[in-house]
Amino acid sequence: MEQHFKDAFALVETQGMVPAIYAADAMLKAANVELAGYENVGSTLVTIIVRGDVAACQASAEAGAAAAAPVGKLTAHNGMPRP
């Protein structure tokens, strides 16, 4: 994966794949971001990672958290400006 350090990243972590898919869908539709990948940590924790500009990543993280919470357990969400 090619990294662009001028970009920001947004992360949403859920328990289970179903809320993670809901979060990824909402994140990609909410702002101009691209899917950087996902990490399956352990047996149930799934982290969705998107990248884009700072404002888009912040909006994307909020939208992903709002979409995942009613479907399953939301563990964490965060936007990281220019890591």
PDB file of N, CA and C in Angstrom:
ATOM      1  N   MET A   1       0.843  -1.169   0.000  1.00  0.00           N
ATOM      2  CA  MET A   1       0.000   0.000   0.000  1.00  0.00           C
ATOM      3  C   MET A   1       0.893   1.238   0.000  1.00  0.00           C
ATOM      4  N   GLU A   2       0.668   2.102  -0.952  1.00  0.00           N
ATOM      5  CA  GLU A   2       1.417   3.350  -1.048  1.00  0.00           C
ATOM      6  C   GLU A   2       0.846   4.355  -0.067  1.00  0.00           C
ATOM      7  N   GLN A   3       1.694   4.984   0.716  1.00  0.00           N
ATOM      8  CA  GLN A   3       1.218   5.930   1.714  1.00  0.00           C
ATOM      9  C   GLN A   3       1.516   7.354   1.271  1.00  0.00           C
ATOM     10  N   HIS A   4       0.533   8.210   1.463  1.00  0.00           N
ATOM     11  CA  HIS A   4       0.673   9.622   1.171  1.00  0.00           C
ATOM     12  C   HIS A   4       0.615  10.352   2.504  1.00  0.00           C
ATOM     13  N   PHE A   5       1.724  10.877   2.968  1.00  0.00           N
ATOM     14  CA  PHE A   5       1.769  11.481   4.286  1.00  0.00           C
ATOM     15  C   PHE A   5       1.121  12.853   4.339  1.00  0.00           C
ATOM     16  N   LYS A   6       0.702  13.388   3.206  1.00  0.00           N
ATOM     17  CA  LYS A   6      -0.051  14.631   3.236  1.00  0.00           C
ATOM     18  C   LYS A   6      -1.522  14.361   3.530  1.00  0.00           C
ATOM     19  N   ASP A   7      -1.942  13.106   3.402  1.00  0.00           N
ATOM     20  CA  ASP A   7      -3.326  12.730   3.644  1.00  0.00           C
ATOM     21  C   ASP A   7      -3.577  12.490   5.124  1.00  0.00           C
ATOM     22  N   ALA A   8      -4.841  12.487   5.465  1.00  0.00           N
ATOM     23  CA  ALA A   8      -5.268  12.118   6.807  1.00  0.00           C
ATOM     24  C   ALA A   8      -5.880  10.723   6.737  1.00  0.00           C
ATOM     25  N   PHE A   9      -6.019  10.089   7.885  1.00  0.00           N
ATOM     26  CA  PHE A   9      -6.628   8.778   7.964  1.00  0.00           C
ATOM     27  C   PHE A   9      -7.803   8.817   8.922  1.00  0.00           C
ATOM     28  N   ALA A  10      -8.799   7.999   8.666  1.00  0.00           N
ATOM     29  CA  ALA A  10      -9.925   7.831   9.579  1.00  0.00           C
ATOM     30  C   ALA A  10     -10.061   6.346   9.866  1.00  0.00           C
ATOM     31  N   LEU A  11     -10.300   6.026  11.130  1.00  0.00           N
ATOM     32  CA  LEU A  11     -10.426   4.635  11.563  1.00  0.00           C
ATOM     33  C   LEU A  11     -11.745   4.446  12.305  1.00  0.00           C
ATOM     34  N   VAL A  12     -12.417   3.345  12.013  1.00  0.00           N
ATOM     35  CA  VAL A  12     -13.604   2.942  12.761  1.00  0.00           C
ATOM     36  C   VAL A  12     -13.408   1.475  13.119  1.00  0.00           C
ATOM     37  N   GLU A  13     -13.515   1.163  14.409  1.00  0.00           N
ATOM     38  CA  GLU A  13     -13.324  -0.207  14.881  1.00  0.00           C
ATOM     39  C   GLU A  13     -14.632  -0.732  15.462  1.00  0.00           C
ATOM     40  N   THR A  14     -15.013  -1.929  15.045  1.00  0.00           N
ATOM     41  CA  THR A  14     -16.255  -2.546  15.501  1.00  0.00           C
ATOM     42  C   THR A  14     -15.992  -3.971  15.945  1.00  0.00           C
ATOM     43  N   GLN A  15     -16.975  -4.535  16.619  1.00  0.00           N
ATOM     44  CA  GLN A  15     -16.935  -5.962  16.917  1.00  0.00           C
ATOM     45  C   GLN A  15     -17.790  -6.658  15.878  1.00  0.00           C
ATOM     46  N   GLY A  16     -17.163  -7.425  15.019  1.00  0.00           N
ATOM     47  CA  GLY A  16     -17.872  -8.150  13.982  1.00  0.00           C
ATOM     48  C   GLY A  16     -17.749  -7.495  12.626  1.00  0.00           C
ATOM     49  N   MET A  17     -17.979  -8.298  11.599  1.00  0.00           N
ATOM     50  CA  MET A  17     -17.826  -7.822  10.230  1.00  0.00           C
ATOM     51  C   MET A  17     -19.050  -7.039   9.743  1.00  0.00           C
ATOM     52  N   VAL A  18     -20.244  -7.381  10.203  1.00  0.00           N
ATOM     53  CA  VAL A  18     -21.448  -6.706   9.709  1.00  0.00           C
ATOM     54  C   VAL A  18     -21.451  -5.216  10.042  1.00  0.00           C
ATOM     55  N   PRO A  19     -21.231  -4.806  11.307  1.00  0.00           N
ATOM     56  CA  PRO A  19     -21.170  -3.356  11.545  1.00  0.00           C
ATOM     57  C   PRO A  19     -19.992  -2.691  10.840  1.00  0.00           C
ATOM     58  N   ALA A  20     -18.919  -3.423  10.602  1.00  0.00           N
ATOM     59  CA  ALA A  20     -17.773  -2.863   9.882  1.00  0.00           C
ATOM     60  C   ALA A  20     -18.136  -2.564   8.430  1.00  0.00           C
ATOM     61  N   ILE A  21     -18.925  -3.425   7.820  1.00  0.00           N
ATOM     62  CA  ILE A  21     -19.354  -3.191   6.444  1.00  0.00           C
ATOM     63  C   ILE A  21     -20.297  -1.995   6.384  1.00  0.00           C
ATOM     64  N   TYR A  22     -21.207  -1.878   7.349  1.00  0.00           N
ATOM     65  CA  TYR A  22     -22.077  -0.704   7.414  1.00  0.00           C
ATOM     66  C   TYR A  22     -21.245   0.564   7.579  1.00  0.00           C
ATOM     67  N   ALA A  23     -20.240   0.513   8.436  1.00  0.00           N
ATOM     68  CA  ALA A  23     -19.384   1.676   8.661  1.00  0.00           C
ATOM     69  C   ALA A  23     -18.616   2.041   7.397  1.00  0.00           C
ATOM     70  N   ALA A  24     -18.035   1.060   6.722  1.00  0.00           N
ATOM     71  CA  ALA A  24     -17.270   1.325   5.505  1.00  0.00           C
ATOM     72  C   ALA A  24     -18.153   1.941   4.430  1.00  0.00           C
ATOM     73  N   ASP A  25     -19.363   1.425   4.287  1.00  0.00           N
ATOM     74  CA  ASP A  25     -20.295   1.962   3.302  1.00  0.00           C
ATOM     75  C   ASP A  25     -20.617   3.425   3.602  1.00  0.00           C
ATOM     76  N   ALA A  26     -20.932   3.724   4.848  1.00  0.00           N
ATOM     77  CA  ALA A  26     -21.263   5.094   5.227  1.00  0.00           C
ATOM     78  C   ALA A  26     -20.054   6.016   5.089  1.00  0.00           C
ATOM     79  N   MET A  27     -18.873   5.526   5.443  1.00  0.00           N
ATOM     80  CA  MET A  27     -17.668   6.339   5.364  1.00  0.00           C
ATOM     81  C   MET A  27     -17.360   6.742   3.923  1.00  0.00           C
ATOM     82  N   LEU A  28     -17.497   5.801   3.003  1.00  0.00           N
ATOM     83  CA  LEU A  28     -17.174   6.085   1.609  1.00  0.00           C
ATOM     84  C   LEU A  28     -18.220   6.965   0.936  1.00  0.00           C
ATOM     85  N   LYS A  29     -19.466   6.885   1.412  1.00  0.00           N
ATOM     86  CA  LYS A  29     -20.522   7.708   0.827  1.00  0.00           C
ATOM     87  C   LYS A  29     -20.583   9.109   1.432  1.00  0.00           C
ATOM     88  N   ALA A  30     -20.065   9.282   2.643  1.00  0.00           N
ATOM     89  CA  ALA A  30     -20.191  10.556   3.350  1.00  0.00           C
ATOM     90  C   ALA A  30     -19.222  11.618   2.856  1.00  0.00           C
ATOM     91  N   ALA A  31     -18.062  11.218   2.390  1.00  0.00           N
ATOM     92  CA  ALA A  31     -17.037  12.201   2.031  1.00  0.00           C
ATOM     93  C   ALA A  31     -16.158  11.655   0.915  1.00  0.00           C
ATOM     94  N   ASN A  32     -15.328  12.524   0.377  1.00  0.00           N
ATOM     95  CA  ASN A  32     -14.423  12.139  -0.695  1.00  0.00           C
ATOM     96  C   ASN A  32     -13.173  11.474  -0.099  1.00  0.00           C
ATOM     97  N   VAL A  33     -13.318  10.198   0.269  1.00  0.00           N
ATOM     98  CA  VAL A  33     -12.217   9.417   0.826  1.00  0.00           C
ATOM     99  C   VAL A  33     -12.105   8.119   0.042  1.00  0.00           C
ATOM    100  N   GLU A  34     -10.967   7.456   0.187  1.00  0.00           N
ATOM    101  CA  GLU A  34     -10.798   6.156  -0.454  1.00  0.00           C
ATOM    102  C   GLU A  34     -10.451   5.124   0.605  1.00  0.00           C
ATOM    103  N   LEU A  35     -10.880   3.907   0.363  1.00  0.00           N
ATOM    104  CA  LEU A  35     -10.637   2.822   1.300  1.00  0.00           C
ATOM    105  C   LEU A  35      -9.167   2.426   1.240  1.00  0.00           C
ATOM    106  N   ALA A  36      -8.474   2.566   2.349  1.00  0.00           N
ATOM    107  CA  ALA A  36      -7.069   2.190   2.422  1.00  0.00           C
ATOM    108  C   ALA A  36      -6.922   0.725   2.806  1.00  0.00           C
ATOM    109  N   GLY A  37      -7.925   0.172   3.483  1.00  0.00           N
ATOM    110  CA  GLY A  37      -7.882  -1.233   3.864  1.00  0.00           C
ATOM    111  C   GLY A  37      -8.681  -1.495   5.109  1.00  0.00           C
ATOM    112  N   TYR A  38      -8.564  -2.718   5.577  1.00  0.00           N
ATOM    113  CA  TYR A  38      -9.189  -3.087   6.840  1.00  0.00           C
ATOM    114  C   TYR A  38      -8.293  -4.087   7.541  1.00  0.00           C
ATOM    115  N   GLU A  39      -8.402  -4.128   8.844  1.00  0.00           N
ATOM    116  CA  GLU A  39      -7.616  -5.051   9.658  1.00  0.00           C
ATOM    117  C   GLU A  39      -8.569  -5.872  10.504  1.00  0.00           C
ATOM    118  N   ASN A  40      -8.391  -7.168  10.484  1.00  0.00           N
ATOM    119  CA  ASN A  40      -9.177  -8.064  11.317  1.00  0.00           C
ATOM    120  C   ASN A  40      -8.303  -8.454  12.501  1.00  0.00           C
ATOM    121  N   VAL A  41      -8.554  -7.838  13.637  1.00  0.00           N
ATOM    122  CA  VAL A  41      -7.725  -8.036  14.824  1.00  0.00           C
ATOM    123  C   VAL A  41      -8.390  -9.077  15.713  1.00  0.00           C
ATOM    124  N   GLY A  42      -7.721 -10.172  15.924  1.00  0.00           N
ATOM    125  CA  GLY A  42      -8.301 -11.219  16.751  1.00  0.00           C
ATOM    126  C   GLY A  42      -9.479 -11.867  16.058  1.00  0.00           C
ATOM    127  N   SER A  43     -10.418 -12.335  16.849  1.00  0.00           N
ATOM    128  CA  SER A  43     -11.538 -13.054  16.259  1.00  0.00           C
ATOM    129  C   SER A  43     -12.719 -12.162  15.941  1.00  0.00           C
ATOM    130  N   THR A  44     -12.838 -10.999  16.597  1.00  0.00           N
ATOM    131  CA  THR A  44     -14.028 -10.193  16.370  1.00  0.00           C
ATOM    132  C   THR A  44     -13.770  -8.732  16.028  1.00  0.00           C
ATOM    133  N   LEU A  45     -12.646  -8.164  16.362  1.00  0.00           N
ATOM    134  CA  LEU A  45     -12.422  -6.735  16.124  1.00  0.00           C
ATOM    135  C   LEU A  45     -12.016  -6.480  14.673  1.00  0.00           C
ATOM    136  N   VAL A  46     -12.729  -5.568  14.029  1.00  0.00           N
ATOM    137  CA  VAL A  46     -12.456  -5.206  12.642  1.00  0.00           C
ATOM    138  C   VAL A  46     -12.277  -3.693  12.584  1.00  0.00           C
ATOM    139  N   THR A  47     -11.181  -3.236  11.977  1.00  0.00           N
ATOM    140  CA  THR A  47     -10.902  -1.812  11.837  1.00  0.00           C
ATOM    141  C   THR A  47     -10.936  -1.437  10.367  1.00  0.00           C
ATOM    142  N   ILE A  48     -11.769  -0.465  10.023  1.00  0.00           N
ATOM    143  CA  ILE A  48     -11.855   0.066   8.664  1.00  0.00           C
ATOM    144  C   ILE A  48     -10.986   1.314   8.599  1.00  0.00           C
ATOM    145  N   ILE A  49     -10.150   1.418   7.562  1.00  0.00           N
ATOM    146  CA  ILE A  49      -9.219   2.534   7.418  1.00  0.00           C
ATOM    147  C   ILE A  49      -9.473   3.212   6.073  1.00  0.00           C
ATOM    148  N   VAL A  50      -9.735   4.516   6.110  1.00  0.00           N
ATOM    149  CA  VAL A  50      -9.890   5.301   4.884  1.00  0.00           C
ATOM    150  C   VAL A  50      -8.915   6.459   4.928  1.00  0.00           C
ATOM    151  N   ARG A  51      -8.621   7.036   3.755  1.00  0.00           N
ATOM    152  CA  ARG A  51      -7.736   8.192   3.708  1.00  0.00           C
ATOM    153  C   ARG A  51      -8.288   9.238   2.750  1.00  0.00           C
ATOM    154  N   GLY A  52      -7.915  10.469   3.025  1.00  0.00           N
ATOM    155  CA  GLY A  52      -8.362  11.612   2.235  1.00  0.00           C
ATOM    156  C   GLY A  52      -7.863  12.871   2.902  1.00  0.00           C
ATOM    157  N   ASP A  53      -8.511  13.996   2.619  1.00  0.00           N
ATOM    158  CA  ASP A  53      -8.079  15.209   3.306  1.00  0.00           C
ATOM    159  C   ASP A  53      -8.645  15.234   4.728  1.00  0.00           C
ATOM    160  N   VAL A  54      -8.199  16.179   5.527  1.00  0.00           N
ATOM    161  CA  VAL A  54      -8.503  16.190   6.959  1.00  0.00           C
ATOM    162  C   VAL A  54     -10.003  16.307   7.224  1.00  0.00           C
ATOM    163  N   ALA A  55     -10.665  17.251   6.592  1.00  0.00           N
ATOM    164  CA  ALA A  55     -12.097  17.448   6.833  1.00  0.00           C
ATOM    165  C   ALA A  55     -12.910  16.247   6.372  1.00  0.00           C
ATOM    166  N   ALA A  56     -12.527  15.669   5.246  1.00  0.00           N
ATOM    167  CA  ALA A  56     -13.246  14.499   4.736  1.00  0.00           C
ATOM    168  C   ALA A  56     -13.086  13.308   5.676  1.00  0.00           C
ATOM    169  N   CYS A  57     -11.912  13.138   6.234  1.00  0.00           N
ATOM    170  CA  CYS A  57     -11.689  12.018   7.153  1.00  0.00           C
ATOM    171  C   CYS A  57     -12.453  12.203   8.455  1.00  0.00           C
ATOM    172  N   GLN A  58     -12.514  13.421   8.956  1.00  0.00           N
ATOM    173  CA  GLN A  58     -13.285  13.671  10.173  1.00  0.00           C
ATOM    174  C   GLN A  58     -14.763  13.368   9.935  1.00  0.00           C
ATOM    175  N   ALA A  59     -15.312  13.854   8.814  1.00  0.00           N
ATOM    176  CA  ALA A  59     -16.714  13.597   8.487  1.00  0.00           C
ATOM    177  C   ALA A  59     -16.952  12.112   8.254  1.00  0.00           C
ATOM    178  N   SER A  60     -16.001  11.461   7.633  1.00  0.00           N
ATOM    179  CA  SER A  60     -16.114  10.035   7.350  1.00  0.00           C
ATOM    180  C   SER A  60     -16.129   9.202   8.627  1.00  0.00           C
ATOM    181  N   ALA A  61     -15.281   9.550   9.583  1.00  0.00           N
ATOM    182  CA  ALA A  61     -15.232   8.814  10.852  1.00  0.00           C
ATOM    183  C   ALA A  61     -16.542   8.974  11.621  1.00  0.00           C
ATOM    184  N   GLU A  62     -17.094  10.169  11.624  1.00  0.00           N
ATOM    185  CA  GLU A  62     -18.370  10.401  12.316  1.00  0.00           C
ATOM    186  C   GLU A  62     -19.503   9.631  11.642  1.00  0.00           C
ATOM    187  N   ALA A  63     -19.531   9.642  10.319  1.00  0.00           N
ATOM    188  CA  ALA A  63     -20.591   8.930   9.594  1.00  0.00           C
ATOM    189  C   ALA A  63     -20.472   7.423   9.786  1.00  0.00           C
ATOM    190  N   GLY A  64     -19.253   6.912   9.769  1.00  0.00           N
ATOM    191  CA  GLY A  64     -19.055   5.480   9.976  1.00  0.00           C
ATOM    192  C   GLY A  64     -19.460   5.042  11.367  1.00  0.00           C
ATOM    193  N   ALA A  65     -19.145   5.852  12.360  1.00  0.00           N
ATOM    194  CA  ALA A  65     -19.523   5.531  13.739  1.00  0.00           C
ATOM    195  C   ALA A  65     -21.037   5.559  13.901  1.00  0.00           C
ATOM    196  N   ALA A  66     -21.689   6.548  13.287  1.00  0.00           N
ATOM    197  CA  ALA A  66     -23.146   6.649  13.388  1.00  0.00           C
ATOM    198  C   ALA A  66     -23.839   5.486  12.696  1.00  0.00           C
ATOM    199  N   ALA A  67     -23.261   4.978  11.617  1.00  0.00           N
ATOM    200  CA  ALA A  67     -23.873   3.864  10.893  1.00  0.00           C
ATOM    201  C   ALA A  67     -23.647   2.532  11.589  1.00  0.00           C
ATOM    202  N   ALA A  68     -22.500   2.358  12.224  1.00  0.00           N
ATOM    203  CA  ALA A  68     -22.162   1.072  12.831  1.00  0.00           C
ATOM    204  C   ALA A  68     -22.806   0.873  14.193  1.00  0.00           C
ATOM    205  N   ALA A  69     -23.020   1.929  14.941  1.00  0.00           N
ATOM    206  CA  ALA A  69     -23.521   1.812  16.312  1.00  0.00           C
ATOM    207  C   ALA A  69     -24.880   1.126  16.425  1.00  0.00           C
ATOM    208  N   PRO A  70     -25.865   1.429  15.579  1.00  0.00           N
ATOM    209  CA  PRO A  70     -27.159   0.751  15.732  1.00  0.00           C
ATOM    210  C   PRO A  70     -27.139  -0.723  15.306  1.00  0.00           C
ATOM    211  N   VAL A  71     -26.181  -1.101  14.483  1.00  0.00           N
ATOM    212  CA  VAL A  71     -26.141  -2.459  13.931  1.00  0.00           C
ATOM    213  C   VAL A  71     -25.406  -3.421  14.855  1.00  0.00           C
ATOM    214  N   GLY A  72     -24.350  -2.943  15.497  1.00  0.00           N
ATOM    215  CA  GLY A  72     -23.532  -3.795  16.359  1.00  0.00           C
ATOM    216  C   GLY A  72     -22.772  -2.934  17.337  1.00  0.00           C
ATOM    217  N   LYS A  73     -21.724  -3.491  17.904  1.00  0.00           N
ATOM    218  CA  LYS A  73     -20.956  -2.755  18.899  1.00  0.00           C
ATOM    219  C   LYS A  73     -19.836  -1.966  18.233  1.00  0.00           C
ATOM    220  N   LEU A  74     -19.865  -0.661  18.451  1.00  0.00           N
ATOM    221  CA  LEU A  74     -18.816   0.235  17.994  1.00  0.00           C
ATOM    222  C   LEU A  74     -17.767   0.316  19.086  1.00  0.00           C
ATOM    223  N   THR A  75     -16.529  -0.016  18.773  1.00  0.00           N
ATOM    224  CA  THR A  75     -15.457   0.004  19.755  1.00  0.00           C
ATOM    225  C   THR A  75     -14.762   1.361  19.806  1.00  0.00           C
ATOM    226  N   ALA A  76     -14.439   1.916  18.644  1.00  0.00           N
ATOM    227  CA  ALA A  76     -13.730   3.197  18.611  1.00  0.00           C
ATOM    228  C   ALA A  76     -13.860   3.818  17.235  1.00  0.00           C
ATOM    229  N   HIS A  77     -13.679   5.131  17.166  1.00  0.00           N
ATOM    230  CA  HIS A  77     -13.554   5.839  15.890  1.00  0.00           C
ATOM    231  C   HIS A  77     -12.635   7.038  16.096  1.00  0.00           C
ATOM    232  N   ASN A  78     -11.856   7.338  15.065  1.00  0.00           N
ATOM    233  CA  ASN A  78     -10.871   8.403  15.203  1.00  0.00           C
ATOM    234  C   ASN A  78     -10.462   8.900  13.832  1.00  0.00           C
ATOM    235  N   GLY A  79     -10.200  10.199  13.724  1.00  0.00           N
ATOM    236  CA  GLY A  79      -9.607  10.785  12.543  1.00  0.00           C
ATOM    237  C   GLY A  79      -8.205  11.258  12.887  1.00  0.00           C
ATOM    238  N   MET A  80      -7.241  10.924  12.064  1.00  0.00           N
ATOM    239  CA  MET A  80      -5.851  11.318  12.341  1.00  0.00           C
ATOM    240  C   MET A  80      -5.376  12.253  11.231  1.00  0.00           C
ATOM    241  N   PRO A  81      -5.249  13.551  11.527  1.00  0.00           N
ATOM    242  CA  PRO A  81      -4.796  14.484  10.504  1.00  0.00           C
ATOM    243  C   PRO A  81      -3.305  14.363  10.240  1.00  0.00           C
ATOM    244  N   ARG A  82      -2.977  14.116   9.028  1.00  0.00           N
ATOM    245  CA  ARG A  82      -1.585  14.068   8.529  1.00  0.00           C
ATOM    246  C   ARG A  82      -0.624  13.348   9.458  1.00  0.00           C
ATOM    247  N   PRO A  83      -0.758  12.026   9.574  1.00  0.00           N
ATOM    248  CA  PRO A  83       0.122  11.269  10.494  1.00  0.00           C
ATOM    249  C   PRO A  83       1.570  11.273  10.038  1.00  0.00           C
TER     250      PRO A  83
END
